[in-house]
């Protein structure tokens, strides 16, 4: 299921493809996805545009059960730009999983 989502994500992206036209993962994705999908925590750094956010989104969605009808993932970000980026990545991946993503943002000014 999640592999299908990654392939669909690749179709929506302008990332590189192999000879058969399939989406190819970037180095940070190749290094981190197997570890995090196996259930391990990790910390990784890479340059902007390397695909880190997609890795994060894939792992969050892989933990979601379709049979549980309540919120299952909480993502907190330190600014709106990062939250918007995360929501965009989640939306791309959810397209092929028949799921919905709802993003909410609160900052200090929102807390009365």
PDB file of N, CA and C in Angstrom:
ATOM      1  N   UNK A   1       0.820  -1.187   0.000  1.00  0.00           N
ATOM      2  CA  UNK A   1       0.000   0.000   0.000  1.00  0.00           C
ATOM      3  C   UNK A   1       0.863   1.249   0.000  1.00  0.00           C
ATOM      4  N   UNK A   2       1.859   1.340   0.881  1.00  0.00           N
ATOM      5  CA  UNK A   2       2.676   2.547   0.951  1.00  0.00           C
ATOM      6  C   UNK A   2       3.616   2.634  -0.253  1.00  0.00           C
ATOM      7  N   UNK A   3       4.051   1.500  -0.763  1.00  0.00           N
ATOM      8  CA  UNK A   3       4.900   1.513  -1.969  1.00  0.00           C
ATOM      9  C   UNK A   3       4.110   2.078  -3.143  1.00  0.00           C
ATOM     10  N   UNK A   4       2.835   1.697  -3.228  1.00  0.00           N
ATOM     11  CA  UNK A   4       1.969   2.245  -4.271  1.00  0.00           C
ATOM     12  C   UNK A   4       1.861   3.761  -4.126  1.00  0.00           C
ATOM     13  N   UNK A   5       1.727   4.228  -2.889  1.00  0.00           N
ATOM     14  CA  UNK A   5       1.630   5.668  -2.640  1.00  0.00           C
ATOM     15  C   UNK A   5       2.907   6.388  -3.056  1.00  0.00           C
ATOM     16  N   UNK A   6       4.055   5.782  -2.789  1.00  0.00           N
ATOM     17  CA  UNK A   6       5.331   6.394  -3.184  1.00  0.00           C
ATOM     18  C   UNK A   6       5.420   6.474  -4.702  1.00  0.00           C
ATOM     19  N   UNK A   7       5.023   5.420  -5.394  1.00  0.00           N
ATOM     20  CA  UNK A   7       5.057   5.447  -6.858  1.00  0.00           C
ATOM     21  C   UNK A   7       4.107   6.499  -7.417  1.00  0.00           C
ATOM     22  N   UNK A   8       2.916   6.605  -6.848  1.00  0.00           N
ATOM     23  CA  UNK A   8       1.976   7.641  -7.286  1.00  0.00           C
ATOM     24  C   UNK A   8       2.533   9.031  -7.002  1.00  0.00           C
ATOM     25  N   UNK A   9       3.193   9.178  -5.869  1.00  0.00           N
ATOM     26  CA  UNK A   9       3.831  10.442  -5.516  1.00  0.00           C
ATOM     27  C   UNK A   9       4.856  10.815  -6.596  1.00  0.00           C
ATOM     28  N   UNK A  10       5.630   9.825  -7.009  1.00  0.00           N
ATOM     29  CA  UNK A  10       6.624  10.061  -8.053  1.00  0.00           C
ATOM     30  C   UNK A  10       6.004  10.526  -9.354  1.00  0.00           C
ATOM     31  N   UNK A  11       4.817  10.029  -9.663  1.00  0.00           N
ATOM     32  CA  UNK A  11       4.118  10.460 -10.872  1.00  0.00           C
ATOM     33  C   UNK A  11       3.721  11.930 -10.787  1.00  0.00           C
ATOM     34  N   UNK A  12       3.466  12.418  -9.583  1.00  0.00           N
ATOM     35  CA  UNK A  12       3.054  13.807  -9.385  1.00  0.00           C
ATOM     36  C   UNK A  12       4.249  14.749  -9.267  1.00  0.00           C
ATOM     37  N   UNK A  13       5.422  14.197  -9.120  1.00  0.00           N
ATOM     38  CA  UNK A  13       6.619  15.009  -8.887  1.00  0.00           C
ATOM     39  C   UNK A  13       7.459  15.123 -10.148  1.00  0.00           C
ATOM     40  N   UNK A  14       8.377  16.024 -10.103  1.00  0.00           N
ATOM     41  CA  UNK A  14       9.302  16.191 -11.223  1.00  0.00           C
ATOM     42  C   UNK A  14      10.639  15.546 -10.890  1.00  0.00           C
ATOM     43  N   UNK A  15      10.612  14.476 -10.128  1.00  0.00           N
ATOM     44  CA  UNK A  15      11.847  13.829  -9.718  1.00  0.00           C
ATOM     45  C   UNK A  15      12.313  12.859 -10.783  1.00  0.00           C
ATOM     46  N   UNK A  16      13.528  12.376 -10.632  1.00  0.00           N
ATOM     47  CA  UNK A  16      14.128  11.503 -11.635  1.00  0.00           C
ATOM     48  C   UNK A  16      13.419  10.156 -11.690  1.00  0.00           C
ATOM     49  N   UNK A  17      13.516   9.553 -12.850  1.00  0.00           N
ATOM     50  CA  UNK A  17      12.903   8.249 -13.085  1.00  0.00           C
ATOM     51  C   UNK A  17      13.951   7.313 -13.674  1.00  0.00           C
ATOM     52  N   UNK A  18      13.754   6.028 -13.499  1.00  0.00           N
ATOM     53  CA  UNK A  18      14.677   5.060 -14.067  1.00  0.00           C
ATOM     54  C   UNK A  18      14.323   4.781 -15.525  1.00  0.00           C
ATOM     55  N   UNK A  19      15.021   3.823 -16.131  1.00  0.00           N
ATOM     56  CA  UNK A  19      14.820   3.520 -17.553  1.00  0.00           C
ATOM     57  C   UNK A  19      13.390   3.098 -17.876  1.00  0.00           C
ATOM     58  N   UNK A  20      12.730   2.465 -16.905  1.00  0.00           N
ATOM     59  CA  UNK A  20      11.355   2.009 -17.134  1.00  0.00           C
ATOM     60  C   UNK A  20      10.330   3.101 -16.835  1.00  0.00           C
ATOM     61  N   UNK A  21      10.798   4.275 -16.391  1.00  0.00           N
ATOM     62  CA  UNK A  21       9.899   5.375 -16.112  1.00  0.00           C
ATOM     63  C   UNK A  21       9.388   5.430 -14.685  1.00  0.00           C
ATOM     64  N   UNK A  22       9.863   4.508 -13.841  1.00  0.00           N
ATOM     65  CA  UNK A  22       9.419   4.504 -12.444  1.00  0.00           C
ATOM     66  C   UNK A  22      10.209   5.531 -11.624  1.00  0.00           C
ATOM     67  N   UNK A  23       9.540   6.039 -10.611  1.00  0.00           N
ATOM     68  CA  UNK A  23      10.112   7.007  -9.687  1.00  0.00           C
ATOM     69  C   UNK A  23      11.328   6.408  -8.982  1.00  0.00           C
ATOM     70  N   UNK A  24      12.408   7.155  -8.896  1.00  0.00           N
ATOM     71  CA  UNK A  24      13.584   6.701  -8.161  1.00  0.00           C
ATOM     72  C   UNK A  24      13.748   7.557  -6.911  1.00  0.00           C
ATOM     73  N   UNK A  25      14.034   6.914  -5.816  1.00  0.00           N
ATOM     74  CA  UNK A  25      14.184   7.635  -4.564  1.00  0.00           C
ATOM     75  C   UNK A  25      15.519   8.362  -4.521  1.00  0.00           C
ATOM     76  N   UNK A  26      15.549   9.406  -3.741  1.00  0.00           N
ATOM     77  CA  UNK A  26      16.763  10.191  -3.549  1.00  0.00           C
ATOM     78  C   UNK A  26      17.589   9.565  -2.425  1.00  0.00           C
ATOM     79  N   UNK A  27      18.865   9.928  -2.314  1.00  0.00           N
ATOM     80  CA  UNK A  27      19.731   9.285  -1.307  1.00  0.00           C
ATOM     81  C   UNK A  27      19.194   9.338   0.125  1.00  0.00           C
ATOM     82  N   UNK A  28      18.648  10.475   0.567  1.00  0.00           N
ATOM     83  CA  UNK A  28      18.124  10.555   1.934  1.00  0.00           C
ATOM     84  C   UNK A  28      16.940   9.608   2.107  1.00  0.00           C
ATOM     85  N   UNK A  29      16.161   9.432   1.056  1.00  0.00           N
ATOM     86  CA  UNK A  29      15.015   8.526   1.126  1.00  0.00           C
ATOM     87  C   UNK A  29      15.473   7.072   1.169  1.00  0.00           C
ATOM     88  N   UNK A  30      16.459   6.742   0.353  1.00  0.00           N
ATOM     89  CA  UNK A  30      16.979   5.372   0.346  1.00  0.00           C
ATOM     90  C   UNK A  30      17.597   5.005   1.688  1.00  0.00           C
ATOM     91  N   UNK A  31      18.206   5.985   2.341  1.00  0.00           N
ATOM     92  CA  UNK A  31      18.866   5.721   3.620  1.00  0.00           C
ATOM     93  C   UNK A  31      17.893   5.668   4.795  1.00  0.00           C
ATOM     94  N   UNK A  32      16.821   6.442   4.746  1.00  0.00           N
ATOM     95  CA  UNK A  32      15.955   6.555   5.920  1.00  0.00           C
ATOM     96  C   UNK A  32      14.656   5.762   5.857  1.00  0.00           C
ATOM     97  N   UNK A  33      14.059   5.614   4.685  1.00  0.00           N
ATOM     98  CA  UNK A  33      12.758   4.930   4.609  1.00  0.00           C
ATOM     99  C   UNK A  33      12.787   3.501   5.158  1.00  0.00           C
ATOM    100  N   UNK A  34      13.767   2.670   4.805  1.00  0.00           N
ATOM    101  CA  UNK A  34      13.750   1.305   5.362  1.00  0.00           C
ATOM    102  C   UNK A  34      13.853   1.284   6.884  1.00  0.00           C
ATOM    103  N   UNK A  35      14.634   2.190   7.444  1.00  0.00           N
ATOM    104  CA  UNK A  35      14.825   2.235   8.893  1.00  0.00           C
ATOM    105  C   UNK A  35      13.544   2.690   9.585  1.00  0.00           C
ATOM    106  N   UNK A  36      12.968   3.777   9.114  1.00  0.00           N
ATOM    107  CA  UNK A  36      11.777   4.301   9.779  1.00  0.00           C
ATOM    108  C   UNK A  36      10.543   3.432   9.533  1.00  0.00           C
ATOM    109  N   UNK A  37      10.423   2.845   8.347  1.00  0.00           N
ATOM    110  CA  UNK A  37       9.291   1.953   8.094  1.00  0.00           C
ATOM    111  C   UNK A  37       9.389   0.659   8.894  1.00  0.00           C
ATOM    112  N   UNK A  38      10.599   0.330   9.356  1.00  0.00           N
ATOM    113  CA  UNK A  38      10.780  -0.835  10.226  1.00  0.00           C
ATOM    114  C   UNK A  38      10.431  -0.505  11.679  1.00  0.00           C
ATOM    115  N   UNK A  39      10.053   0.754  11.921  1.00  0.00           N
ATOM    116  CA  UNK A  39       9.606   1.137  13.253  1.00  0.00           C
ATOM    117  C   UNK A  39      10.651   1.797  14.128  1.00  0.00           C
ATOM    118  N   UNK A  40      11.797   2.119  13.572  1.00  0.00           N
ATOM    119  CA  UNK A  40      12.858   2.747  14.349  1.00  0.00           C
ATOM    120  C   UNK A  40      12.795   4.267  14.240  1.00  0.00           C
ATOM    121  N   UNK A  41      13.161   4.941  15.302  1.00  0.00           N
ATOM    122  CA  UNK A  41      13.289   6.393  15.273  1.00  0.00           C
ATOM    123  C   UNK A  41      14.637   6.751  14.683  1.00  0.00           C
ATOM    124  N   UNK A  42      14.682   7.903  14.042  1.00  0.00           N
ATOM    125  CA  UNK A  42      15.960   8.344  13.496  1.00  0.00           C
ATOM    126  C   UNK A  42      15.985   9.852  13.377  1.00  0.00           C
ATOM    127  N   UNK A  43      17.181  10.378  13.250  1.00  0.00           N
ATOM    128  CA  UNK A  43      17.403  11.792  12.984  1.00  0.00           C
ATOM    129  C   UNK A  43      18.258  11.846  11.731  1.00  0.00           C
ATOM    130  N   UNK A  44      17.833  12.639  10.761  1.00  0.00           N
ATOM    131  CA  UNK A  44      18.575  12.734   9.505  1.00  0.00           C
ATOM    132  C   UNK A  44      18.635  14.191   9.064  1.00  0.00           C
ATOM    133  N   UNK A  45      19.721  14.559   8.446  1.00  0.00           N
ATOM    134  CA  UNK A  45      19.856  15.896   7.888  1.00  0.00           C
ATOM    135  C   UNK A  45      20.251  15.777   6.426  1.00  0.00           C
ATOM    136  N   UNK A  46      19.752  16.689   5.641  1.00  0.00           N
ATOM    137  CA  UNK A  46      20.095  16.751   4.220  1.00  0.00           C
ATOM    138  C   UNK A  46      19.708  18.140   3.725  1.00  0.00           C
ATOM    139  N   UNK A  47      20.220  18.473   2.564  1.00  0.00           N
ATOM    140  CA  UNK A  47      19.993  19.804   2.022  1.00  0.00           C
ATOM    141  C   UNK A  47      18.525  20.015   1.650  1.00  0.00           C
ATOM    142  N   UNK A  48      18.162  21.267   1.490  1.00  0.00           N
ATOM    143  CA  UNK A  48      16.820  21.646   1.070  1.00  0.00           C
ATOM    144  C   UNK A  48      16.511  21.018  -0.286  1.00  0.00           C
ATOM    145  N   UNK A  49      15.310  20.474  -0.426  1.00  0.00           N
ATOM    146  CA  UNK A  49      14.900  19.877  -1.689  1.00  0.00           C
ATOM    147  C   UNK A  49      15.355  18.447  -1.880  1.00  0.00           C
ATOM    148  N   UNK A  50      15.858  17.824  -0.820  1.00  0.00           N
ATOM    149  CA  UNK A  50      16.400  16.468  -0.941  1.00  0.00           C
ATOM    150  C   UNK A  50      15.351  15.380  -0.787  1.00  0.00           C
ATOM    151  N   UNK A  51      14.167  15.711  -0.260  1.00  0.00           N
ATOM    152  CA  UNK A  51      13.126  14.713  -0.094  1.00  0.00           C
ATOM    153  C   UNK A  51      12.873  14.290   1.336  1.00  0.00           C
ATOM    154  N   UNK A  52      13.382  15.038   2.300  1.00  0.00           N
ATOM    155  CA  UNK A  52      13.177  14.689   3.711  1.00  0.00           C
ATOM    156  C   UNK A  52      11.704  14.705   4.103  1.00  0.00           C
ATOM    157  N   UNK A  53      10.980  15.707   3.638  1.00  0.00           N
ATOM    158  CA  UNK A  53       9.578  15.838   4.031  1.00  0.00           C
ATOM    159  C   UNK A  53       8.757  14.660   3.530  1.00  0.00           C
ATOM    160  N   UNK A  54       9.054  14.187   2.340  1.00  0.00           N
ATOM    161  CA  UNK A  54       8.354  13.018   1.800  1.00  0.00           C
ATOM    162  C   UNK A  54       8.607  11.803   2.685  1.00  0.00           C
ATOM    163  N   UNK A  55       9.832  11.633   3.165  1.00  0.00           N
ATOM    164  CA  UNK A  55      10.144  10.510   4.059  1.00  0.00           C
ATOM    165  C   UNK A  55       9.300  10.582   5.323  1.00  0.00           C
ATOM    166  N   UNK A  56       9.236  11.756   5.895  1.00  0.00           N
ATOM    167  CA  UNK A  56       8.457  11.961   7.109  1.00  0.00           C
ATOM    168  C   UNK A  56       6.989  11.619   6.861  1.00  0.00           C
ATOM    169  N   UNK A  57       6.446  12.115   5.762  1.00  0.00           N
ATOM    170  CA  UNK A  57       5.038  11.884   5.440  1.00  0.00           C
ATOM    171  C   UNK A  57       4.754  10.407   5.195  1.00  0.00           C
ATOM    172  N   UNK A  58       5.627   9.725   4.484  1.00  0.00           N
ATOM    173  CA  UNK A  58       5.451   8.295   4.211  1.00  0.00           C
ATOM    174  C   UNK A  58       5.375   7.512   5.513  1.00  0.00           C
ATOM    175  N   UNK A  59       6.279   7.796   6.425  1.00  0.00           N
ATOM    176  CA  UNK A  59       6.306   7.045   7.684  1.00  0.00           C
ATOM    177  C   UNK A  59       5.083   7.333   8.539  1.00  0.00           C
ATOM    178  N   UNK A  60       4.628   8.575   8.531  1.00  0.00           N
ATOM    179  CA  UNK A  60       3.417   8.915   9.282  1.00  0.00           C
ATOM    180  C   UNK A  60       2.213   8.170   8.708  1.00  0.00           C
ATOM    181  N   UNK A  61       2.091   8.162   7.400  1.00  0.00           N
ATOM    182  CA  UNK A  61       0.941   7.505   6.766  1.00  0.00           C
ATOM    183  C   UNK A  61       1.009   5.987   6.851  1.00  0.00           C
ATOM    184  N   UNK A  62       2.210   5.436   6.877  1.00  0.00           N
ATOM    185  CA  UNK A  62       2.341   3.981   6.986  1.00  0.00           C
ATOM    186  C   UNK A  62       1.789   3.468   8.307  1.00  0.00           C
ATOM    187  N   UNK A  63       1.747   4.326   9.315  1.00  0.00           N
ATOM    188  CA  UNK A  63       1.254   3.933  10.627  1.00  0.00           C
ATOM    189  C   UNK A  63      -0.263   4.032  10.749  1.00  0.00           C
ATOM    190  N   UNK A  64      -0.919   4.589   9.750  1.00  0.00           N
ATOM    191  CA  UNK A  64      -2.369   4.811   9.807  1.00  0.00           C
ATOM    192  C   UNK A  64      -3.120   3.533   9.422  1.00  0.00           C
ATOM    193  N   UNK A  65      -4.118   3.205  10.221  1.00  0.00           N
ATOM    194  CA  UNK A  65      -4.986   2.073   9.924  1.00  0.00           C
ATOM    195  C   UNK A  65      -6.263   2.580   9.266  1.00  0.00           C
ATOM    196  N   UNK A  66      -6.650   1.988   8.167  1.00  0.00           N
ATOM    197  CA  UNK A  66      -7.880   2.396   7.481  1.00  0.00           C
ATOM    198  C   UNK A  66      -9.136   2.028   8.272  1.00  0.00           C
ATOM    199  N   UNK A  67      -9.014   1.087   9.187  1.00  0.00           N
ATOM    200  CA  UNK A  67     -10.192   0.638   9.927  1.00  0.00           C
ATOM    201  C   UNK A  67     -10.491   1.500  11.147  1.00  0.00           C
ATOM    202  N   UNK A  68      -9.540   2.282  11.595  1.00  0.00           N
ATOM    203  CA  UNK A  68      -9.753   3.150  12.753  1.00  0.00           C
ATOM    204  C   UNK A  68     -10.247   4.499  12.248  1.00  0.00           C
ATOM    205  N   UNK A  69     -11.428   4.883  12.666  1.00  0.00           N
ATOM    206  CA  UNK A  69     -12.069   6.103  12.173  1.00  0.00           C
ATOM    207  C   UNK A  69     -11.957   7.241  13.181  1.00  0.00           C
ATOM    208  N   UNK A  70     -10.741   7.571  13.531  1.00  0.00           N
ATOM    209  CA  UNK A  70     -10.478   8.714  14.402  1.00  0.00           C
ATOM    210  C   UNK A  70      -9.080   9.226  14.072  1.00  0.00           C
ATOM    211  N   UNK A  71      -8.729  10.416  14.520  1.00  0.00           N
ATOM    212  CA  UNK A  71      -7.384  10.924  14.221  1.00  0.00           C
ATOM    213  C   UNK A  71      -6.307   9.970  14.722  1.00  0.00           C
ATOM    214  N   UNK A  72      -5.287   9.763  13.901  1.00  0.00           N
ATOM    215  CA  UNK A  72      -4.233   8.824  14.253  1.00  0.00           C
ATOM    216  C   UNK A  72      -2.839   9.434  14.205  1.00  0.00           C
ATOM    217  N   UNK A  73      -2.697  10.565  13.559  1.00  0.00           N
ATOM    218  CA  UNK A  73      -1.382  11.192  13.434  1.00  0.00           C
ATOM    219  C   UNK A  73      -1.493  12.660  13.813  1.00  0.00           C
ATOM    220  N   UNK A  74      -0.605  13.100  14.672  1.00  0.00           N
ATOM    221  CA  UNK A  74      -0.510  14.505  15.032  1.00  0.00           C
ATOM    222  C   UNK A  74       0.864  14.990  14.601  1.00  0.00           C
ATOM    223  N   UNK A  75       0.883  16.010  13.780  1.00  0.00           N
ATOM    224  CA  UNK A  75       2.142  16.582  13.311  1.00  0.00           C
ATOM    225  C   UNK A  75       2.217  18.013  13.816  1.00  0.00           C
ATOM    226  N   UNK A  76       3.303  18.318  14.481  1.00  0.00           N
ATOM    227  CA  UNK A  76       3.514  19.669  14.982  1.00  0.00           C
ATOM    228  C   UNK A  76       4.728  20.262  14.261  1.00  0.00           C
ATOM    229  N   UNK A  77       4.593  21.491  13.844  1.00  0.00           N
ATOM    230  CA  UNK A  77       5.678  22.168  13.140  1.00  0.00           C
ATOM    231  C   UNK A  77       5.930  23.508  13.814  1.00  0.00           C
ATOM    232  N   UNK A  78       7.148  23.988  13.702  1.00  0.00           N
ATOM    233  CA  UNK A  78       7.495  25.224  14.399  1.00  0.00           C
ATOM    234  C   UNK A  78       7.122  26.494  13.627  1.00  0.00           C
ATOM    235  N   UNK A  79       6.689  26.358  12.387  1.00  0.00           N
ATOM    236  CA  UNK A  79       6.215  27.543  11.654  1.00  0.00           C
ATOM    237  C   UNK A  79       5.234  27.128  10.566  1.00  0.00           C
ATOM    238  N   UNK A  80       4.511  28.106  10.084  1.00  0.00           N
ATOM    239  CA  UNK A  80       3.473  27.848   9.099  1.00  0.00           C
ATOM    240  C   UNK A  80       4.040  27.327   7.773  1.00  0.00           C
ATOM    241  N   UNK A  81       5.176  27.847   7.351  1.00  0.00           N
ATOM    242  CA  UNK A  81       5.767  27.402   6.080  1.00  0.00           C
ATOM    243  C   UNK A  81       6.075  25.906   6.113  1.00  0.00           C
ATOM    244  N   UNK A  82       6.639  25.433   7.208  1.00  0.00           N
ATOM    245  CA  UNK A  82       6.939  24.003   7.319  1.00  0.00           C
ATOM    246  C   UNK A  82       5.658  23.182   7.389  1.00  0.00           C
ATOM    247  N   UNK A  83       4.671  23.664   8.124  1.00  0.00           N
ATOM    248  CA  UNK A  83       3.390  22.960   8.199  1.00  0.00           C
ATOM    249  C   UNK A  83       2.733  22.871   6.826  1.00  0.00           C
ATOM    250  N   UNK A  84       2.758  23.966   6.081  1.00  0.00           N
ATOM    251  CA  UNK A  84       2.191  23.946   4.728  1.00  0.00           C
ATOM    252  C   UNK A  84       2.910  22.931   3.851  1.00  0.00           C
ATOM    253  N   UNK A  85       4.226  22.866   3.959  1.00  0.00           N
ATOM    254  CA  UNK A  85       5.010  21.902   3.185  1.00  0.00           C
ATOM    255  C   UNK A  85       4.628  20.478   3.572  1.00  0.00           C
ATOM    256  N   UNK A  86       4.500  20.219   4.856  1.00  0.00           N
ATOM    257  CA  UNK A  86       4.112  18.889   5.322  1.00  0.00           C
ATOM    258  C   UNK A  86       2.719  18.513   4.820  1.00  0.00           C
ATOM    259  N   UNK A  87       1.785  19.452   4.890  1.00  0.00           N
ATOM    260  CA  UNK A  87       0.422  19.179   4.417  1.00  0.00           C
ATOM    261  C   UNK A  87       0.403  18.881   2.924  1.00  0.00           C
ATOM    262  N   UNK A  88       1.187  19.610   2.147  1.00  0.00           N
ATOM    263  CA  UNK A  88       1.261  19.348   0.711  1.00  0.00           C
ATOM    264  C   UNK A  88       1.769  17.936   0.435  1.00  0.00           C
ATOM    265  N   UNK A  89       2.805  17.520   1.150  1.00  0.00           N
ATOM    266  CA  UNK A  89       3.349  16.178   0.953  1.00  0.00           C
ATOM    267  C   UNK A  89       2.334  15.111   1.376  1.00  0.00           C
ATOM    268  N   UNK A  90       1.663  15.332   2.482  1.00  0.00           N
ATOM    269  CA  UNK A  90       0.657  14.372   2.944  1.00  0.00           C
ATOM    270  C   UNK A  90      -0.481  14.266   1.934  1.00  0.00           C
ATOM    271  N   UNK A  91      -0.914  15.397   1.401  1.00  0.00           N
ATOM    272  CA  UNK A  91      -1.985  15.384   0.393  1.00  0.00           C
ATOM    273  C   UNK A  91      -1.580  14.565  -0.824  1.00  0.00           C
ATOM    274  N   UNK A  92      -0.352  14.742  -1.307  1.00  0.00           N
ATOM    275  CA  UNK A  92       0.120  13.985  -2.474  1.00  0.00           C
ATOM    276  C   UNK A  92       0.080  12.484  -2.201  1.00  0.00           C
ATOM    277  N   UNK A  93       0.544  12.086  -1.028  1.00  0.00           N
ATOM    278  CA  UNK A  93       0.575  10.664  -0.703  1.00  0.00           C
ATOM    279  C   UNK A  93      -0.822  10.106  -0.432  1.00  0.00           C
ATOM    280  N   UNK A  94      -1.672  10.883   0.184  1.00  0.00           N
ATOM    281  CA  UNK A  94      -3.033  10.410   0.495  1.00  0.00           C
ATOM    282  C   UNK A  94      -3.883  10.231  -0.752  1.00  0.00           C
ATOM    283  N   UNK A  95      -3.545  10.891  -1.818  1.00  0.00           N
ATOM    284  CA  UNK A  95      -4.295  10.757  -3.063  1.00  0.00           C
ATOM    285  C   UNK A  95      -4.408   9.296  -3.468  1.00  0.00           C
ATOM    286  N   UNK A  96      -3.339   8.541  -3.300  1.00  0.00           N
ATOM    287  CA  UNK A  96      -3.371   7.142  -3.713  1.00  0.00           C
ATOM    288  C   UNK A  96      -3.783   6.202  -2.592  1.00  0.00           C
ATOM    289  N   UNK A  97      -4.016   6.724  -1.410  1.00  0.00           N
ATOM    290  CA  UNK A  97      -4.442   5.888  -0.288  1.00  0.00           C
ATOM    291  C   UNK A  97      -5.903   6.080   0.064  1.00  0.00           C
ATOM    292  N   UNK A  98      -6.621   6.875  -0.723  1.00  0.00           N
ATOM    293  CA  UNK A  98      -8.033   7.157  -0.470  1.00  0.00           C
ATOM    294  C   UNK A  98      -8.258   7.722   0.928  1.00  0.00           C
ATOM    295  N   UNK A  99      -7.319   8.517   1.394  1.00  0.00           N
ATOM    296  CA  UNK A  99      -7.441   9.094   2.727  1.00  0.00           C
ATOM    297  C   UNK A  99      -7.619  10.594   2.661  1.00  0.00           C
ATOM    298  N   UNK A 100      -7.831  11.178   3.798  1.00  0.00           N
ATOM    299  CA  UNK A 100      -7.965  12.623   3.894  1.00  0.00           C
ATOM    300  C   UNK A 100      -6.950  13.140   4.896  1.00  0.00           C
ATOM    301  N   UNK A 101      -6.455  14.320   4.636  1.00  0.00           N
ATOM    302  CA  UNK A 101      -5.553  14.988   5.555  1.00  0.00           C
ATOM    303  C   UNK A 101      -6.153  16.339   5.885  1.00  0.00           C
ATOM    304  N   UNK A 102      -6.271  16.629   7.150  1.00  0.00           N
ATOM    305  CA  UNK A 102      -6.743  17.932   7.583  1.00  0.00           C
ATOM    306  C   UNK A 102      -5.625  18.578   8.374  1.00  0.00           C
ATOM    307  N   UNK A 103      -5.260  19.782   7.982  1.00  0.00           N
ATOM    308  CA  UNK A 103      -4.183  20.489   8.659  1.00  0.00           C
ATOM    309  C   UNK A 103      -4.750  21.656   9.449  1.00  0.00           C
ATOM    310  N   UNK A 104      -4.285  21.796  10.651  1.00  0.00           N
ATOM    311  CA  UNK A 104      -4.672  22.934  11.490  1.00  0.00           C
ATOM    312  C   UNK A 104      -3.399  23.565  12.018  1.00  0.00           C
ATOM    313  N   UNK A 105      -3.407  24.858  12.178  1.00  0.00           N
ATOM    314  CA  UNK A 105      -2.221  25.558  12.641  1.00  0.00           C
ATOM    315  C   UNK A 105      -2.603  26.492  13.773  1.00  0.00           C
ATOM    316  N   UNK A 106      -1.833  26.468  14.824  1.00  0.00           N
ATOM    317  CA  UNK A 106      -2.040  27.393  15.942  1.00  0.00           C
ATOM    318  C   UNK A 106      -0.688  27.957  16.350  1.00  0.00           C
ATOM    319  N   UNK A 107      -0.653  29.243  16.625  1.00  0.00           N
ATOM    320  CA  UNK A 107       0.563  29.845  17.159  1.00  0.00           C
ATOM    321  C   UNK A 107       0.201  30.638  18.403  1.00  0.00           C
ATOM    322  N   UNK A 108       1.149  31.278  18.985  1.00  0.00           N
ATOM    323  CA  UNK A 108       0.912  31.987  20.244  1.00  0.00           C
ATOM    324  C   UNK A 108      -0.225  33.002  20.153  1.00  0.00           C
ATOM    325  N   UNK A 109      -0.363  33.680  19.024  1.00  0.00           N
ATOM    326  CA  UNK A 109      -1.434  34.653  18.878  1.00  0.00           C
ATOM    327  C   UNK A 109      -2.812  33.994  18.840  1.00  0.00           C
ATOM    328  N   UNK A 110      -2.873  32.730  18.411  1.00  0.00           N
ATOM    329  CA  UNK A 110      -4.148  32.026  18.340  1.00  0.00           C
ATOM    330  C   UNK A 110      -4.643  31.567  19.708  1.00  0.00           C
ATOM    331  N   UNK A 111      -3.769  31.522  20.676  1.00  0.00           N
ATOM    332  CA  UNK A 111      -4.136  31.038  22.014  1.00  0.00           C
ATOM    333  C   UNK A 111      -4.556  32.212  22.889  1.00  0.00           C
ATOM    334  N   UNK A 112      -5.790  32.451  23.090  1.00  0.00           N
ATOM    335  CA  UNK A 112      -6.282  33.592  23.826  1.00  0.00           C
ATOM    336  C   UNK A 112      -5.668  33.869  25.097  1.00  0.00           C
TER     337      UNK A 112
END
